[in-house]
């Protein structure tokens, strides 16, 4: 039987780096009390820079952090009850 190839997306290079990214993002929360588009995008870019500074693989295309930051940019989590 032929082996199936899997399309695996990396989210981090190592578990400790993922944990540091999660801790840094939580420390930055709440992301934005206002949900205007410009400030949401600014916060999303700040988060991208933050996770990239911890692990350069973190913002991989279609990866966890890219998707999370895209959601922050459109206002998701802006006024989320913590």
PDB file of N, CA and C in Angstrom:
ATOM      1  N   UNK A   1       0.845  -1.167   0.000  1.00  0.00           N
ATOM      2  CA  UNK A   1       0.000   0.000   0.000  1.00  0.00           C
ATOM      3  C   UNK A   1       0.902   1.246   0.000  1.00  0.00           C
ATOM      4  N   UNK A   2       0.663   2.205  -0.897  1.00  0.00           N
ATOM      5  CA  UNK A   2       1.515   3.398  -0.944  1.00  0.00           C
ATOM      6  C   UNK A   2       1.316   4.279   0.290  1.00  0.00           C
ATOM      7  N   UNK A   3       2.413   4.911   0.695  1.00  0.00           N
ATOM      8  CA  UNK A   3       2.367   5.800   1.850  1.00  0.00           C
ATOM      9  C   UNK A   3       1.729   7.126   1.455  1.00  0.00           C
ATOM     10  N   UNK A   4       0.799   7.597   2.277  1.00  0.00           N
ATOM     11  CA  UNK A   4       0.163   8.887   2.019  1.00  0.00           C
ATOM     12  C   UNK A   4       1.032  10.000   2.547  1.00  0.00           C
ATOM     13  N   UNK A   5       1.150  11.056   1.762  1.00  0.00           N
ATOM     14  CA  UNK A   5       1.902  12.219   2.207  1.00  0.00           C
ATOM     15  C   UNK A   5       0.975  13.135   2.986  1.00  0.00           C
ATOM     16  N   UNK A   6       1.493  13.692   4.035  1.00  0.00           N
ATOM     17  CA  UNK A   6       0.710  14.617   4.848  1.00  0.00           C
ATOM     18  C   UNK A   6       1.258  16.013   4.683  1.00  0.00           C
ATOM     19  N   UNK A   7       0.355  16.966   4.655  1.00  0.00           N
ATOM     20  CA  UNK A   7       0.742  18.365   4.592  1.00  0.00           C
ATOM     21  C   UNK A   7       0.705  18.908   6.017  1.00  0.00           C
ATOM     22  N   UNK A   8       1.861  18.995   6.629  1.00  0.00           N
ATOM     23  CA  UNK A   8       1.959  19.411   8.022  1.00  0.00           C
ATOM     24  C   UNK A   8       2.464  20.855   8.076  1.00  0.00           C
ATOM     25  N   UNK A   9       1.759  21.680   8.821  1.00  0.00           N
ATOM     26  CA  UNK A   9       2.164  23.070   9.019  1.00  0.00           C
ATOM     27  C   UNK A   9       2.821  23.196  10.383  1.00  0.00           C
ATOM     28  N   UNK A  10       3.999  23.757  10.395  1.00  0.00           N
ATOM     29  CA  UNK A  10       4.704  23.980  11.655  1.00  0.00           C
ATOM     30  C   UNK A  10       4.132  25.209  12.342  1.00  0.00           C
ATOM     31  N   UNK A  11       4.006  25.151  13.650  1.00  0.00           N
ATOM     32  CA  UNK A  11       3.582  26.346  14.384  1.00  0.00           C
ATOM     33  C   UNK A  11       4.718  26.889  15.235  1.00  0.00           C
ATOM     34  N   UNK A  12       5.678  26.069  15.574  1.00  0.00           N
ATOM     35  CA  UNK A  12       6.833  26.475  16.379  1.00  0.00           C
ATOM     36  C   UNK A  12       7.982  25.524  16.064  1.00  0.00           C
ATOM     37  N   UNK A  13       9.183  25.924  16.410  1.00  0.00           N
ATOM     38  CA  UNK A  13      10.323  25.035  16.233  1.00  0.00           C
ATOM     39  C   UNK A  13      10.513  24.117  17.434  1.00  0.00           C
ATOM     40  N   UNK A  14       9.945  24.498  18.593  1.00  0.00           N
ATOM     41  CA  UNK A  14      10.070  23.678  19.802  1.00  0.00           C
ATOM     42  C   UNK A  14       8.957  24.041  20.781  1.00  0.00           C
ATOM     43  N   UNK A  15       8.547  23.071  21.564  1.00  0.00           N
ATOM     44  CA  UNK A  15       7.468  23.296  22.537  1.00  0.00           C
ATOM     45  C   UNK A  15       7.782  24.424  23.521  1.00  0.00           C
ATOM     46  N   UNK A  16       8.999  24.521  24.056  1.00  0.00           N
ATOM     47  CA  UNK A  16       9.276  25.641  24.972  1.00  0.00           C
ATOM     48  C   UNK A  16       9.073  27.013  24.310  1.00  0.00           C
ATOM     49  N   UNK A  17       9.395  27.126  23.031  1.00  0.00           N
ATOM     50  CA  UNK A  17       9.182  28.395  22.334  1.00  0.00           C
ATOM     51  C   UNK A  17       7.689  28.671  22.167  1.00  0.00           C
ATOM     52  N   UNK A  18       6.916  27.638  21.921  1.00  0.00           N
ATOM     53  CA  UNK A  18       5.463  27.809  21.825  1.00  0.00           C
ATOM     54  C   UNK A  18       4.921  28.309  23.163  1.00  0.00           C
ATOM     55  N   UNK A  19       5.382  27.706  24.244  1.00  0.00           N
ATOM     56  CA  UNK A  19       4.936  28.118  25.582  1.00  0.00           C
ATOM     57  C   UNK A  19       5.314  29.571  25.857  1.00  0.00           C
ATOM     58  N   UNK A  20       6.503  29.986  25.432  1.00  0.00           N
ATOM     59  CA  UNK A  20       6.921  31.387  25.613  1.00  0.00           C
ATOM     60  C   UNK A  20       6.051  32.321  24.786  1.00  0.00           C
ATOM     61  N   UNK A  21       5.681  31.904  23.571  1.00  0.00           N
ATOM     62  CA  UNK A  21       4.793  32.729  22.730  1.00  0.00           C
ATOM     63  C   UNK A  21       3.424  32.872  23.384  1.00  0.00           C
ATOM     64  N   UNK A  22       2.892  31.765  23.868  1.00  0.00           N
ATOM     65  CA  UNK A  22       1.578  31.800  24.529  1.00  0.00           C
ATOM     66  C   UNK A  22       1.637  32.731  25.741  1.00  0.00           C
ATOM     67  N   UNK A  23       2.674  32.605  26.552  1.00  0.00           N
ATOM     68  CA  UNK A  23       2.808  33.452  27.741  1.00  0.00           C
ATOM     69  C   UNK A  23       2.917  34.926  27.358  1.00  0.00           C
ATOM     70  N   UNK A  24       3.662  35.218  26.300  1.00  0.00           N
ATOM     71  CA  UNK A  24       3.827  36.612  25.864  1.00  0.00           C
ATOM     72  C   UNK A  24       2.516  37.191  25.342  1.00  0.00           C
ATOM     73  N   UNK A  25       1.759  36.401  24.608  1.00  0.00           N
ATOM     74  CA  UNK A  25       0.472  36.866  24.078  1.00  0.00           C
ATOM     75  C   UNK A  25      -0.525  37.069  25.219  1.00  0.00           C
ATOM     76  N   UNK A  26      -0.543  36.158  26.169  1.00  0.00           N
ATOM     77  CA  UNK A  26      -1.437  36.312  27.325  1.00  0.00           C
ATOM     78  C   UNK A  26      -1.060  37.562  28.117  1.00  0.00           C
ATOM     79  N   UNK A  27       0.243  37.810  28.275  1.00  0.00           N
ATOM     80  CA  UNK A  27       0.689  38.993  29.016  1.00  0.00           C
ATOM     81  C   UNK A  27       0.266  40.277  28.307  1.00  0.00           C
ATOM     82  N   UNK A  28       0.136  40.239  26.990  1.00  0.00           N
ATOM     83  CA  UNK A  28      -0.264  41.408  26.193  1.00  0.00           C
ATOM     84  C   UNK A  28      -1.772  41.635  26.240  1.00  0.00           C
ATOM     85  N   UNK A  29      -2.540  40.617  26.618  1.00  0.00           N
ATOM     86  CA  UNK A  29      -3.993  40.695  26.661  1.00  0.00           C
ATOM     87  C   UNK A  29      -4.430  41.624  27.793  1.00  0.00           C
ATOM     88  N   UNK A  30      -5.480  42.407  27.700  1.00  0.00           N
ATOM     89  CA  UNK A  30      -6.416  42.468  26.569  1.00  0.00           C
ATOM     90  C   UNK A  30      -5.796  43.205  25.389  1.00  0.00           C
ATOM     91  N   UNK A  31      -6.122  42.744  24.221  1.00  0.00           N
ATOM     92  CA  UNK A  31      -5.498  43.267  23.017  1.00  0.00           C
ATOM     93  C   UNK A  31      -5.958  44.671  22.685  1.00  0.00           C
ATOM     94  N   UNK A  32      -7.250  44.921  22.869  1.00  0.00           N
ATOM     95  CA  UNK A  32      -7.768  46.215  22.462  1.00  0.00           C
ATOM     96  C   UNK A  32      -9.183  46.382  22.989  1.00  0.00           C
ATOM     97  N   UNK A  33      -9.419  47.399  23.757  1.00  0.00           N
ATOM     98  CA  UNK A  33     -10.771  47.652  24.257  1.00  0.00           C
ATOM     99  C   UNK A  33     -11.669  48.196  23.152  1.00  0.00           C
ATOM    100  N   UNK A  34     -11.079  48.930  22.218  1.00  0.00           N
ATOM    101  CA  UNK A  34     -11.839  49.455  21.077  1.00  0.00           C
ATOM    102  C   UNK A  34     -11.666  48.475  19.932  1.00  0.00           C
ATOM    103  N   UNK A  35     -12.642  48.394  19.082  1.00  0.00           N
ATOM    104  CA  UNK A  35     -12.490  47.446  17.980  1.00  0.00           C
ATOM    105  C   UNK A  35     -12.489  48.154  16.632  1.00  0.00           C
ATOM    106  N   UNK A  36     -11.891  49.357  16.563  1.00  0.00           N
ATOM    107  CA  UNK A  36     -11.807  49.983  15.256  1.00  0.00           C
ATOM    108  C   UNK A  36     -10.719  49.282  14.449  1.00  0.00           C
ATOM    109  N   UNK A  37     -10.919  49.250  13.155  1.00  0.00           N
ATOM    110  CA  UNK A  37     -10.101  48.439  12.255  1.00  0.00           C
ATOM    111  C   UNK A  37      -8.609  48.766  12.340  1.00  0.00           C
ATOM    112  N   UNK A  38      -8.268  50.038  12.367  1.00  0.00           N
ATOM    113  CA  UNK A  38      -6.861  50.430  12.374  1.00  0.00           C
ATOM    114  C   UNK A  38      -6.144  49.961  13.640  1.00  0.00           C
ATOM    115  N   UNK A  39      -6.756  50.177  14.782  1.00  0.00           N
ATOM    116  CA  UNK A  39      -6.088  49.779  16.018  1.00  0.00           C
ATOM    117  C   UNK A  39      -6.018  48.259  16.150  1.00  0.00           C
ATOM    118  N   UNK A  40      -6.996  47.537  15.636  1.00  0.00           N
ATOM    119  CA  UNK A  40      -6.945  46.075  15.655  1.00  0.00           C
ATOM    120  C   UNK A  40      -5.780  45.574  14.805  1.00  0.00           C
ATOM    121  N   UNK A  41      -5.579  46.173  13.646  1.00  0.00           N
ATOM    122  CA  UNK A  41      -4.455  45.773  12.793  1.00  0.00           C
ATOM    123  C   UNK A  41      -3.124  46.094  13.458  1.00  0.00           C
ATOM    124  N   UNK A  42      -3.041  47.230  14.140  1.00  0.00           N
ATOM    125  CA  UNK A  42      -1.811  47.584  14.855  1.00  0.00           C
ATOM    126  C   UNK A  42      -1.498  46.565  15.945  1.00  0.00           C
ATOM    127  N   UNK A  43      -2.507  46.151  16.685  1.00  0.00           N
ATOM    128  CA  UNK A  43      -2.315  45.154  17.733  1.00  0.00           C
ATOM    129  C   UNK A  43      -1.894  43.822  17.108  1.00  0.00           C
ATOM    130  N   UNK A  44      -2.530  43.446  16.006  1.00  0.00           N
ATOM    131  CA  UNK A  44      -2.172  42.195  15.329  1.00  0.00           C
ATOM    132  C   UNK A  44      -0.718  42.216  14.878  1.00  0.00           C
ATOM    133  N   UNK A  45      -0.269  43.346  14.349  1.00  0.00           N
ATOM    134  CA  UNK A  45       1.127  43.446  13.914  1.00  0.00           C
ATOM    135  C   UNK A  45       2.068  43.379  15.113  1.00  0.00           C
ATOM    136  N   UNK A  46       1.673  43.996  16.204  1.00  0.00           N
ATOM    137  CA  UNK A  46       2.472  43.914  17.435  1.00  0.00           C
ATOM    138  C   UNK A  46       2.606  42.460  17.888  1.00  0.00           C
ATOM    139  N   UNK A  47       1.512  41.707  17.822  1.00  0.00           N
ATOM    140  CA  UNK A  47       1.550  40.298  18.209  1.00  0.00           C
ATOM    141  C   UNK A  47       2.416  39.483  17.243  1.00  0.00           C
ATOM    142  N   UNK A  48       2.320  39.780  15.941  1.00  0.00           N
ATOM    143  CA  UNK A  48       3.178  39.084  14.962  1.00  0.00           C
ATOM    144  C   UNK A  48       4.650  39.329  15.289  1.00  0.00           C
ATOM    145  N   UNK A  49       4.980  40.580  15.564  1.00  0.00           N
ATOM    146  CA  UNK A  49       6.362  40.921  15.907  1.00  0.00           C
ATOM    147  C   UNK A  49       6.795  40.223  17.194  1.00  0.00           C
ATOM    148  N   UNK A  50       5.893  40.168  18.149  1.00  0.00           N
ATOM    149  CA  UNK A  50       6.180  39.551  19.436  1.00  0.00           C
ATOM    150  C   UNK A  50       6.501  38.065  19.278  1.00  0.00           C
ATOM    151  N   UNK A  51       5.633  37.314  18.616  1.00  0.00           N
ATOM    152  CA  UNK A  51       5.878  35.877  18.472  1.00  0.00           C
ATOM    153  C   UNK A  51       7.066  35.605  17.553  1.00  0.00           C
ATOM    154  N   UNK A  52       7.277  36.457  16.557  1.00  0.00           N
ATOM    155  CA  UNK A  52       8.433  36.293  15.663  1.00  0.00           C
ATOM    156  C   UNK A  52       9.744  36.510  16.405  1.00  0.00           C
ATOM    157  N   UNK A  53       9.737  37.402  17.389  1.00  0.00           N
ATOM    158  CA  UNK A  53      10.962  37.658  18.149  1.00  0.00           C
ATOM    159  C   UNK A  53      11.323  36.470  19.035  1.00  0.00           C
ATOM    160  N   UNK A  54      10.350  35.657  19.367  1.00  0.00           N
ATOM    161  CA  UNK A  54      10.585  34.478  20.195  1.00  0.00           C
ATOM    162  C   UNK A  54      10.957  33.278  19.322  1.00  0.00           C
ATOM    163  N   UNK A  55      10.264  33.128  18.210  1.00  0.00           N
ATOM    164  CA  UNK A  55      10.503  31.996  17.312  1.00  0.00           C
ATOM    165  C   UNK A  55      10.203  32.435  15.886  1.00  0.00           C
ATOM    166  N   UNK A  56      11.217  32.468  15.050  1.00  0.00           N
ATOM    167  CA  UNK A  56      11.017  32.956  13.684  1.00  0.00           C
ATOM    168  C   UNK A  56      10.088  32.070  12.866  1.00  0.00           C
ATOM    169  N   UNK A  57       9.872  30.836  13.289  1.00  0.00           N
ATOM    170  CA  UNK A  57       8.949  29.943  12.570  1.00  0.00           C
ATOM    171  C   UNK A  57       7.493  30.157  12.983  1.00  0.00           C
ATOM    172  N   UNK A  58       7.276  30.904  14.050  1.00  0.00           N
ATOM    173  CA  UNK A  58       5.925  31.066  14.597  1.00  0.00           C
ATOM    174  C   UNK A  58       4.903  31.601  13.595  1.00  0.00           C
ATOM    175  N   UNK A  59       5.222  32.637  12.823  1.00  0.00           N
ATOM    176  CA  UNK A  59       4.193  33.163  11.912  1.00  0.00           C
ATOM    177  C   UNK A  59       4.137  32.437  10.561  1.00  0.00           C
ATOM    178  N   UNK A  60       4.337  31.125  10.553  1.00  0.00           N
ATOM    179  CA  UNK A  60       4.312  30.345   9.311  1.00  0.00           C
ATOM    180  C   UNK A  60       2.974  30.511   8.590  1.00  0.00           C
ATOM    181  N   UNK A  61       3.035  30.486   7.271  1.00  0.00           N
ATOM    182  CA  UNK A  61       1.833  30.641   6.448  1.00  0.00           C
ATOM    183  C   UNK A  61       0.798  29.577   6.817  1.00  0.00           C
ATOM    184  N   UNK A  62      -0.426  30.010   7.081  1.00  0.00           N
ATOM    185  CA  UNK A  62      -1.544  29.151   7.476  1.00  0.00           C
ATOM    186  C   UNK A  62      -1.307  28.437   8.800  1.00  0.00           C
ATOM    187  N   UNK A  63      -0.348  28.908   9.558  1.00  0.00           N
ATOM    188  CA  UNK A  63      -0.065  28.301  10.852  1.00  0.00           C
ATOM    189  C   UNK A  63      -0.936  28.905  11.942  1.00  0.00           C
ATOM    190  N   UNK A  64      -0.772  28.390  13.140  1.00  0.00           N
ATOM    191  CA  UNK A  64      -1.583  28.824  14.269  1.00  0.00           C
ATOM    192  C   UNK A  64      -1.477  30.321  14.512  1.00  0.00           C
ATOM    193  N   UNK A  65      -0.241  30.846  14.626  1.00  0.00           N
ATOM    194  CA  UNK A  65      -0.071  32.252  14.990  1.00  0.00           C
ATOM    195  C   UNK A  65      -0.493  33.192  13.878  1.00  0.00           C
ATOM    196  N   UNK A  66      -0.255  32.810  12.629  1.00  0.00           N
ATOM    197  CA  UNK A  66      -0.715  33.660  11.530  1.00  0.00           C
ATOM    198  C   UNK A  66      -2.241  33.779  11.563  1.00  0.00           C
ATOM    199  N   UNK A  67      -2.904  32.660  11.749  1.00  0.00           N
ATOM    200  CA  UNK A  67      -4.360  32.662  11.804  1.00  0.00           C
ATOM    201  C   UNK A  67      -4.864  33.457  13.015  1.00  0.00           C
ATOM    202  N   UNK A  68      -4.245  33.248  14.158  1.00  0.00           N
ATOM    203  CA  UNK A  68      -4.641  33.971  15.365  1.00  0.00           C
ATOM    204  C   UNK A  68      -4.500  35.479  15.161  1.00  0.00           C
ATOM    205  N   UNK A  69      -3.360  35.911  14.631  1.00  0.00           N
ATOM    206  CA  UNK A  69      -3.127  37.347  14.416  1.00  0.00           C
ATOM    207  C   UNK A  69      -4.081  37.923  13.378  1.00  0.00           C
ATOM    208  N   UNK A  70      -4.405  37.147  12.356  1.00  0.00           N
ATOM    209  CA  UNK A  70      -5.396  37.590  11.367  1.00  0.00           C
ATOM    210  C   UNK A  70      -6.755  37.815  12.032  1.00  0.00           C
ATOM    211  N   UNK A  71      -7.116  36.943  12.971  1.00  0.00           N
ATOM    212  CA  UNK A  71      -8.382  37.097  13.692  1.00  0.00           C
ATOM    213  C   UNK A  71      -8.366  38.333  14.584  1.00  0.00           C
ATOM    214  N   UNK A  72      -7.238  38.589  15.232  1.00  0.00           N
ATOM    215  CA  UNK A  72      -7.101  39.805  16.047  1.00  0.00           C
ATOM    216  C   UNK A  72      -7.254  41.034  15.152  1.00  0.00           C
ATOM    217  N   UNK A  73      -6.666  40.986  13.948  1.00  0.00           N
ATOM    218  CA  UNK A  73      -6.711  42.124  13.023  1.00  0.00           C
ATOM    219  C   UNK A  73      -8.126  42.478  12.583  1.00  0.00           C
ATOM    220  N   UNK A  74      -9.025  41.504  12.554  1.00  0.00           N
ATOM    221  CA  UNK A  74     -10.410  41.795  12.145  1.00  0.00           C
ATOM    222  C   UNK A  74     -11.317  42.065  13.344  1.00  0.00           C
ATOM    223  N   UNK A  75     -10.710  42.140  14.529  1.00  0.00           N
ATOM    224  CA  UNK A  75     -11.480  42.532  15.705  1.00  0.00           C
ATOM    225  C   UNK A  75     -11.890  41.404  16.625  1.00  0.00           C
ATOM    226  N   UNK A  76     -11.600  40.157  16.241  1.00  0.00           N
ATOM    227  CA  UNK A  76     -11.892  39.061  17.156  1.00  0.00           C
ATOM    228  C   UNK A  76     -11.017  39.231  18.391  1.00  0.00           C
ATOM    229  N   UNK A  77     -11.524  38.940  19.535  1.00  0.00           N
ATOM    230  CA  UNK A  77     -10.830  39.036  20.825  1.00  0.00           C
ATOM    231  C   UNK A  77     -10.638  40.474  21.307  1.00  0.00           C
ATOM    232  N   UNK A  78     -11.103  41.457  20.570  1.00  0.00           N
ATOM    233  CA  UNK A  78     -10.894  42.856  20.957  1.00  0.00           C
ATOM    234  C   UNK A  78     -11.548  43.173  22.304  1.00  0.00           C
ATOM    235  N   UNK A  79     -12.747  42.674  22.503  1.00  0.00           N
ATOM    236  CA  UNK A  79     -13.443  42.974  23.747  1.00  0.00           C
ATOM    237  C   UNK A  79     -13.897  41.682  24.434  1.00  0.00           C
ATOM    238  N   UNK A  80     -13.143  40.652  24.183  1.00  0.00           N
ATOM    239  CA  UNK A  80     -13.445  39.345  24.734  1.00  0.00           C
ATOM    240  C   UNK A  80     -13.333  39.376  26.241  1.00  0.00           C
ATOM    241  N   UNK A  81     -14.320  38.851  26.929  1.00  0.00           N
ATOM    242  CA  UNK A  81     -14.277  38.790  28.396  1.00  0.00           C
ATOM    243  C   UNK A  81     -13.241  37.773  28.827  1.00  0.00           C
ATOM    244  N   UNK A  82     -12.280  38.237  29.620  1.00  0.00           N
ATOM    245  CA  UNK A  82     -11.204  37.343  30.087  1.00  0.00           C
ATOM    246  C   UNK A  82     -11.591  36.670  31.377  1.00  0.00           C
TER     247      UNK A  82
END
